[in-house]
N, C-alpha and C. Protein backbone atom coordinates (compact mmCIF):
# COMPACT_ATOMS: atom_id res chain seq x y z
N MET A 1 -15.49 -19.59 21.32
CA MET A 1 -14.41 -18.72 21.65
C MET A 1 -14.85 -17.28 21.37
N GLN A 2 -14.42 -16.36 22.18
CA GLN A 2 -14.80 -14.97 22.03
C GLN A 2 -13.98 -14.31 20.94
N GLU A 3 -14.57 -13.29 20.33
CA GLU A 3 -13.87 -12.55 19.29
C GLU A 3 -13.10 -11.40 19.91
N THR A 4 -11.91 -11.67 20.33
CA THR A 4 -11.05 -10.63 20.86
C THR A 4 -10.17 -10.09 19.74
N ARG A 5 -9.45 -9.04 20.02
CA ARG A 5 -8.57 -8.46 19.00
C ARG A 5 -7.47 -9.44 18.60
N LEU A 6 -6.99 -10.18 19.58
CA LEU A 6 -5.94 -11.15 19.28
C LEU A 6 -6.46 -12.27 18.38
N ASN A 7 -7.67 -12.76 18.66
CA ASN A 7 -8.26 -13.80 17.82
C ASN A 7 -8.50 -13.29 16.40
N LEU A 8 -8.98 -12.05 16.27
CA LEU A 8 -9.19 -11.48 14.94
C LEU A 8 -7.86 -11.29 14.20
N LEU A 9 -6.84 -10.86 14.92
CA LEU A 9 -5.52 -10.67 14.31
C LEU A 9 -4.95 -11.99 13.82
N ILE A 10 -5.03 -13.02 14.63
CA ILE A 10 -4.52 -14.33 14.24
C ILE A 10 -5.35 -14.92 13.10
N GLY A 11 -6.66 -14.74 13.15
CA GLY A 11 -7.52 -15.24 12.07
C GLY A 11 -7.23 -14.55 10.75
N ASN A 12 -7.05 -13.23 10.78
CA ASN A 12 -6.72 -12.50 9.55
C ASN A 12 -5.34 -12.90 9.02
N PHE A 13 -4.40 -13.11 9.92
CA PHE A 13 -3.06 -13.51 9.51
C PHE A 13 -3.08 -14.89 8.84
N THR A 14 -3.79 -15.84 9.42
CA THR A 14 -3.85 -17.17 8.82
C THR A 14 -4.60 -17.15 7.49
N ASN A 15 -5.62 -16.31 7.37
CA ASN A 15 -6.33 -16.20 6.09
C ASN A 15 -5.43 -15.61 5.01
N GLN A 16 -4.60 -14.64 5.37
CA GLN A 16 -3.67 -14.06 4.41
C GLN A 16 -2.61 -15.08 3.98
N ILE A 17 -2.13 -15.88 4.91
CA ILE A 17 -1.15 -16.91 4.57
C ILE A 17 -1.77 -17.96 3.66
N LYS A 18 -3.01 -18.36 3.95
CA LYS A 18 -3.69 -19.35 3.10
C LYS A 18 -3.90 -18.81 1.69
N SER A 19 -4.32 -17.55 1.58
CA SER A 19 -4.52 -16.97 0.24
C SER A 19 -3.19 -16.78 -0.48
N PHE A 20 -2.12 -16.52 0.27
CA PHE A 20 -0.80 -16.39 -0.33
C PHE A 20 -0.33 -17.73 -0.90
N LEU A 21 -0.58 -18.81 -0.17
CA LEU A 21 -0.10 -20.12 -0.60
C LEU A 21 -1.02 -20.80 -1.61
N ASN A 22 -2.23 -20.28 -1.83
CA ASN A 22 -3.14 -20.89 -2.79
C ASN A 22 -2.79 -20.56 -4.23
N ASN A 23 -1.92 -19.61 -4.45
CA ASN A 23 -1.48 -19.28 -5.79
C ASN A 23 -0.69 -20.47 -6.35
N PRO A 24 -1.06 -20.99 -7.53
CA PRO A 24 -0.37 -22.18 -8.05
C PRO A 24 1.12 -21.95 -8.35
N TRP A 25 1.51 -20.74 -8.73
CA TRP A 25 2.92 -20.48 -9.02
C TRP A 25 3.75 -20.49 -7.75
N ARG A 26 3.18 -19.98 -6.68
CA ARG A 26 3.90 -20.02 -5.40
C ARG A 26 4.00 -21.45 -4.90
N LYS A 27 2.94 -22.20 -5.11
CA LYS A 27 2.96 -23.60 -4.69
C LYS A 27 4.02 -24.37 -5.47
N LEU A 28 4.10 -24.12 -6.77
CA LEU A 28 5.12 -24.77 -7.59
C LEU A 28 6.53 -24.38 -7.14
N SER A 29 6.71 -23.11 -6.81
CA SER A 29 8.04 -22.69 -6.36
C SER A 29 8.40 -23.34 -5.02
N PHE A 30 7.43 -23.50 -4.13
CA PHE A 30 7.71 -24.18 -2.86
C PHE A 30 8.02 -25.66 -3.08
N VAL A 31 7.35 -26.28 -4.04
CA VAL A 31 7.63 -27.69 -4.34
C VAL A 31 9.04 -27.84 -4.92
N ILE A 32 9.44 -26.91 -5.78
CA ILE A 32 10.79 -26.96 -6.34
C ILE A 32 11.83 -26.73 -5.25
N ILE A 33 11.55 -25.80 -4.34
CA ILE A 33 12.47 -25.56 -3.22
C ILE A 33 12.56 -26.81 -2.34
N GLY A 34 11.45 -27.50 -2.12
CA GLY A 34 11.47 -28.74 -1.35
C GLY A 34 12.29 -29.81 -2.03
N PHE A 35 12.16 -29.93 -3.36
CA PHE A 35 12.94 -30.91 -4.11
C PHE A 35 14.43 -30.61 -4.01
N LEU A 36 14.80 -29.35 -4.21
CA LEU A 36 16.21 -28.99 -4.16
C LEU A 36 16.80 -29.12 -2.76
N SER A 37 16.01 -28.82 -1.74
CA SER A 37 16.53 -29.00 -0.38
C SER A 37 16.69 -30.48 -0.05
N GLY A 38 15.83 -31.34 -0.59
CA GLY A 38 16.01 -32.78 -0.43
C GLY A 38 17.27 -33.27 -1.13
N TYR A 39 17.53 -32.71 -2.30
CA TYR A 39 18.74 -33.08 -3.04
C TYR A 39 20.00 -32.65 -2.27
N ILE A 40 19.98 -31.44 -1.74
CA ILE A 40 21.13 -30.94 -0.98
C ILE A 40 21.32 -31.76 0.29
N THR A 41 20.22 -32.12 0.94
CA THR A 41 20.31 -32.95 2.15
C THR A 41 20.91 -34.31 1.83
N SER A 42 20.53 -34.89 0.71
CA SER A 42 21.10 -36.19 0.34
C SER A 42 22.59 -36.07 0.05
N ASP A 43 22.98 -34.97 -0.55
CA ASP A 43 24.41 -34.77 -0.80
C ASP A 43 25.17 -34.62 0.50
N LEU A 44 24.60 -33.89 1.45
CA LEU A 44 25.25 -33.74 2.75
C LEU A 44 25.32 -35.06 3.50
N LEU A 45 24.24 -35.84 3.45
CA LEU A 45 24.23 -37.12 4.15
C LEU A 45 25.20 -38.11 3.53
N SER A 46 25.25 -38.14 2.21
CA SER A 46 26.11 -39.13 1.57
C SER A 46 27.59 -38.78 1.71
N THR A 47 27.92 -37.51 1.85
CA THR A 47 29.34 -37.16 1.99
C THR A 47 29.81 -37.18 3.43
N SER A 48 28.97 -36.79 4.36
CA SER A 48 29.45 -36.68 5.75
C SER A 48 29.28 -37.98 6.53
N LEU A 49 28.14 -38.62 6.45
CA LEU A 49 27.90 -39.80 7.27
C LEU A 49 28.48 -41.08 6.67
N ALA A 50 28.69 -41.10 5.37
CA ALA A 50 29.19 -42.32 4.75
C ALA A 50 30.69 -42.49 4.90
N GLN A 51 31.38 -41.48 5.37
CA GLN A 51 32.83 -41.59 5.51
C GLN A 51 33.22 -42.56 6.61
N ALA A 52 32.46 -42.57 7.69
CA ALA A 52 32.81 -43.45 8.81
C ALA A 52 32.49 -44.91 8.49
N GLY A 53 31.47 -45.16 7.72
CA GLY A 53 31.12 -46.53 7.37
C GLY A 53 30.20 -47.20 8.37
N LYS A 54 30.23 -46.79 9.62
CA LYS A 54 29.36 -47.42 10.61
C LYS A 54 27.96 -46.82 10.63
N TRP A 55 27.74 -45.72 9.92
CA TRP A 55 26.43 -45.07 9.89
C TRP A 55 25.59 -45.52 8.70
N ASP A 56 26.07 -46.43 7.88
CA ASP A 56 25.35 -46.81 6.68
C ASP A 56 24.02 -47.50 7.00
N VAL A 57 24.04 -48.48 7.86
CA VAL A 57 22.82 -49.24 8.18
C VAL A 57 21.82 -48.39 8.96
N PRO A 58 22.22 -47.64 10.00
CA PRO A 58 21.21 -46.80 10.67
C PRO A 58 20.61 -45.72 9.77
N MET A 59 21.41 -45.15 8.88
CA MET A 59 20.87 -44.13 7.98
C MET A 59 19.96 -44.74 6.94
N ALA A 60 20.27 -45.93 6.46
CA ALA A 60 19.39 -46.59 5.51
C ALA A 60 18.06 -46.94 6.17
N THR A 61 18.11 -47.37 7.42
CA THR A 61 16.88 -47.68 8.16
C THR A 61 16.06 -46.42 8.40
N THR A 62 16.73 -45.34 8.79
CA THR A 62 16.04 -44.07 9.01
C THR A 62 15.41 -43.56 7.72
N TYR A 63 16.14 -43.67 6.61
CA TYR A 63 15.60 -43.23 5.33
C TYR A 63 14.40 -44.08 4.91
N LEU A 64 14.47 -45.37 5.14
CA LEU A 64 13.35 -46.25 4.80
C LEU A 64 12.11 -45.90 5.61
N ILE A 65 12.28 -45.68 6.90
CA ILE A 65 11.15 -45.33 7.76
C ILE A 65 10.58 -43.97 7.34
N PHE A 66 11.45 -42.99 7.06
CA PHE A 66 10.99 -41.68 6.61
C PHE A 66 10.22 -41.77 5.31
N THR A 67 10.72 -42.57 4.37
CA THR A 67 10.05 -42.71 3.08
C THR A 67 8.68 -43.37 3.23
N GLU A 68 8.59 -44.40 4.02
CA GLU A 68 7.32 -45.10 4.19
C GLU A 68 6.28 -44.23 4.92
N ILE A 69 6.71 -43.52 5.94
CA ILE A 69 5.77 -42.66 6.67
C ILE A 69 5.30 -41.51 5.78
N THR A 70 6.21 -40.95 5.00
CA THR A 70 5.83 -39.88 4.08
C THR A 70 4.86 -40.38 3.03
N SER A 71 5.10 -41.56 2.49
CA SER A 71 4.18 -42.12 1.49
C SER A 71 2.82 -42.42 2.09
N MET A 72 2.79 -42.89 3.34
CA MET A 72 1.49 -43.13 3.98
C MET A 72 0.73 -41.83 4.20
N ILE A 73 1.43 -40.76 4.55
CA ILE A 73 0.77 -39.48 4.76
C ILE A 73 0.26 -38.91 3.45
N VAL A 74 1.09 -38.94 2.41
CA VAL A 74 0.73 -38.29 1.15
C VAL A 74 -0.29 -39.11 0.36
N TYR A 75 -0.05 -40.39 0.20
CA TYR A 75 -0.90 -41.20 -0.67
C TYR A 75 -2.03 -41.92 0.05
N GLY A 76 -2.00 -41.99 1.35
CA GLY A 76 -3.06 -42.67 2.08
C GLY A 76 -4.00 -41.71 2.78
N GLY A 77 -3.95 -40.45 2.40
CA GLY A 77 -4.74 -39.42 3.07
C GLY A 77 -6.18 -39.40 2.62
N SER A 78 -6.71 -38.20 2.56
CA SER A 78 -8.13 -38.02 2.25
C SER A 78 -8.42 -38.39 0.81
N LYS A 79 -9.60 -38.89 0.60
CA LYS A 79 -10.00 -39.36 -0.73
C LYS A 79 -10.69 -38.26 -1.54
N ASN A 80 -10.97 -37.10 -0.94
CA ASN A 80 -11.72 -36.08 -1.65
C ASN A 80 -10.86 -35.24 -2.59
N GLY A 81 -9.58 -35.44 -2.62
CA GLY A 81 -8.72 -34.75 -3.57
C GLY A 81 -8.07 -33.49 -3.04
N ASN A 82 -8.43 -33.06 -1.85
CA ASN A 82 -7.79 -31.88 -1.27
C ASN A 82 -6.46 -32.28 -0.66
N LYS A 83 -5.40 -31.76 -1.24
CA LYS A 83 -4.07 -32.06 -0.72
C LYS A 83 -3.63 -30.96 0.23
N ILE A 84 -2.88 -31.35 1.21
CA ILE A 84 -2.35 -30.40 2.17
C ILE A 84 -1.01 -29.91 1.63
N MET A 85 -0.75 -28.63 1.79
CA MET A 85 0.46 -28.03 1.25
C MET A 85 1.72 -28.64 1.85
N TRP A 86 1.75 -28.85 3.15
CA TRP A 86 2.96 -29.39 3.76
C TRP A 86 3.20 -30.83 3.34
N ALA A 87 2.12 -31.56 2.98
CA ALA A 87 2.30 -32.93 2.50
C ALA A 87 2.96 -32.92 1.13
N ASP A 88 2.59 -31.96 0.27
CA ASP A 88 3.26 -31.84 -1.02
C ASP A 88 4.73 -31.47 -0.86
N LEU A 89 5.00 -30.57 0.07
CA LEU A 89 6.39 -30.18 0.32
C LEU A 89 7.21 -31.36 0.86
N LEU A 90 6.62 -32.12 1.76
CA LEU A 90 7.30 -33.28 2.31
C LEU A 90 7.55 -34.33 1.23
N ASN A 91 6.58 -34.50 0.34
CA ASN A 91 6.74 -35.47 -0.74
C ASN A 91 7.82 -35.02 -1.72
N SER A 92 7.87 -33.74 -2.05
CA SER A 92 8.91 -33.26 -2.96
C SER A 92 10.29 -33.34 -2.30
N PHE A 93 10.35 -33.12 -0.98
CA PHE A 93 11.61 -33.30 -0.26
C PHE A 93 12.05 -34.76 -0.33
N LYS A 94 11.10 -35.68 -0.17
CA LYS A 94 11.41 -37.11 -0.23
C LYS A 94 11.91 -37.50 -1.62
N ILE A 95 11.28 -36.97 -2.65
CA ILE A 95 11.69 -37.28 -4.02
C ILE A 95 13.08 -36.72 -4.30
N GLY A 96 13.36 -35.50 -3.83
CA GLY A 96 14.69 -34.92 -3.99
C GLY A 96 15.75 -35.70 -3.24
N LEU A 97 15.39 -36.19 -2.06
CA LEU A 97 16.33 -36.99 -1.27
C LEU A 97 16.64 -38.31 -1.98
N ALA A 98 15.61 -38.96 -2.50
CA ALA A 98 15.82 -40.23 -3.21
C ALA A 98 16.63 -40.00 -4.49
N PHE A 99 16.31 -38.94 -5.22
CA PHE A 99 17.03 -38.64 -6.45
C PHE A 99 18.50 -38.37 -6.17
N GLY A 100 18.78 -37.60 -5.13
CA GLY A 100 20.17 -37.30 -4.78
C GLY A 100 20.94 -38.53 -4.35
N LEU A 101 20.30 -39.40 -3.58
CA LEU A 101 21.00 -40.63 -3.14
C LEU A 101 21.26 -41.56 -4.32
N TYR A 102 20.30 -41.69 -5.23
CA TYR A 102 20.52 -42.52 -6.42
C TYR A 102 21.60 -41.92 -7.31
N LEU A 103 21.61 -40.61 -7.44
CA LEU A 103 22.62 -39.96 -8.27
C LEU A 103 24.01 -40.13 -7.66
N SER A 104 24.11 -40.04 -6.35
CA SER A 104 25.40 -40.27 -5.68
C SER A 104 25.85 -41.72 -5.85
N ALA A 105 24.92 -42.65 -5.78
CA ALA A 105 25.27 -44.06 -5.96
C ALA A 105 25.74 -44.32 -7.39
N MET A 106 25.10 -43.71 -8.37
CA MET A 106 25.52 -43.90 -9.75
C MET A 106 26.87 -43.24 -10.02
N THR A 107 27.13 -42.13 -9.36
CA THR A 107 28.42 -41.46 -9.53
C THR A 107 29.54 -42.31 -8.93
N LEU A 108 29.29 -42.89 -7.78
CA LEU A 108 30.32 -43.71 -7.14
C LEU A 108 30.53 -45.04 -7.85
N ALA A 109 29.51 -45.54 -8.50
CA ALA A 109 29.62 -46.84 -9.17
C ALA A 109 30.37 -46.74 -10.48
N SER A 110 30.42 -45.55 -11.08
CA SER A 110 31.09 -45.44 -12.38
C SER A 110 32.56 -45.14 -12.26
């Protein structure tokens, strides 16, 4: 590929984004944001879709498929130890979603 101004601009932009996200504190903050957004999503799903009662089985199936695909991506990936940032965010979202659904179930059971 030729080195045009647009290619240099895009290359510099992606390098700046990579260096921005390589900071461990920023990565931790993104993981926490992913966890909290998963928790909020579980709260929204459990309050809005569970009212009708007919969405319980399709949502449980969708959640199971999402969890298994996410686990295959995160834990079945490369063996060299390099983790992808979006995989960590997806995993923290999944953990927040599971935590929120379990917490809602425990609240309703008591």
